[in-house]
Amino acid sequence: MEHRRAGKSSLELPVVTFGAWAIGGLFWGGVDDKEAVEAIQAAVDHGITAIDTAPMYGCGHSEELVGRALGTSRNKVRILTKCGLRWDDESGEFYFRLENTPYGRPVNVYKDVRAASITHECEQSLKRLATDRIDLYQVHWPSKTAPANETMGALTRLKEKGKILEFGVSNYSASQMADAAPFGKFVTNQVKYNLLERGIQKDALPYCRKHGIGVVAYSPMAMGLLTGKVDEKRQFPASDTRSTMPLFSAANRRRVLTALSRVQPIADRHGANAAQLAVAWVLAQPGITTALVGARNARQVAENVRAADVKLSEEEKIEIANAFTE
């Protein structure tokens, strides 16, 4: 599989990275742990040499599954995880309330990017992941709980101690990256990017291109909406965050299915399905380092990995983009 350098660092990532949000269980209506572990192991077998997770994904459960699945394969894989969202401490900036948790009770989630919190979170993640280092440690969301110099300083010290190899940010705008840049060498920005949600094209993506910051694109299939498998009749359980998202309204589902039918000839030319085409379009955009693609089982992994082989022409990229714009 093709690998790309993360910004100006020496860290190289596969163009398709295993996204471990869904296997955490929260927001996605539950998960089968055995299948999740098999999915991670299948990803490694298929040449996906990077896994992105976070403490917030299942209140630590996703990280634990990653650690369990890798075992002796740890050194074959780059582990990406995050800090800055706490469900186990209430001293930060209130973010949202989480009703369904592994604890059987609701918890409040807080943003906290203060140095002490970041250091604590790093140690907890290392334990859950059963490793002595994190390859890319990312600030999950920007927060006003600490100035940029404190947050970047904490990450720099973790790197100096060998706890992390590189660090990045996530969901940062151009102005937020500009504020942080003088205080620490972050090498990536993880942001949402897909055919339906292209907000980063306004400022975040151009900033990253200009300053040599790698872009880790999450939700390239728009939480499954671009797979073509979500018709108007599909029902999501209340525990699935998609059940209340405007993106998944009946009207929008119809619009997406119509657009997918328009680009099906392009997918056919490449021997690809709708999901693979959507991921390939993201990977074809200048400045993108890798796309995070989730999977709940080994079968989905085998499908996802094919996206790395789909190489779109400039004309095809424009035609695909236009189909989801009109």
Foldseek 3Di string as FASTA:
>chain_A
DDWDDFFPDPDIAAQEAAEQLVQLQFQAPGADLVQQLQQLLLLVVLPHAEYEEECVRQVLSSLLSQLVSCVVVVVSHAYEYEFFKDQPDDPAAWDAKGQDHPVNGITTIHGALALVRVVVRLVVSCVSNVHQAHAEYEHAEDDPNDFLLRNQVSVVVCCVVRNYVAYAYEPDFLVRCVRNVVRHDHAEYEYEDWLQDHVCVVTVQVSCLVRRGAYEYECLCVSVLQQLPQALPDAGDPSHNLNPDPCNHNVNSVLNNQLLVQLVVVCVVQVAGRSLVSSLLVSQDPRYRHYHDYDRHSVVSVRNSCSSVDHDDPVSSVSSSVSSVD
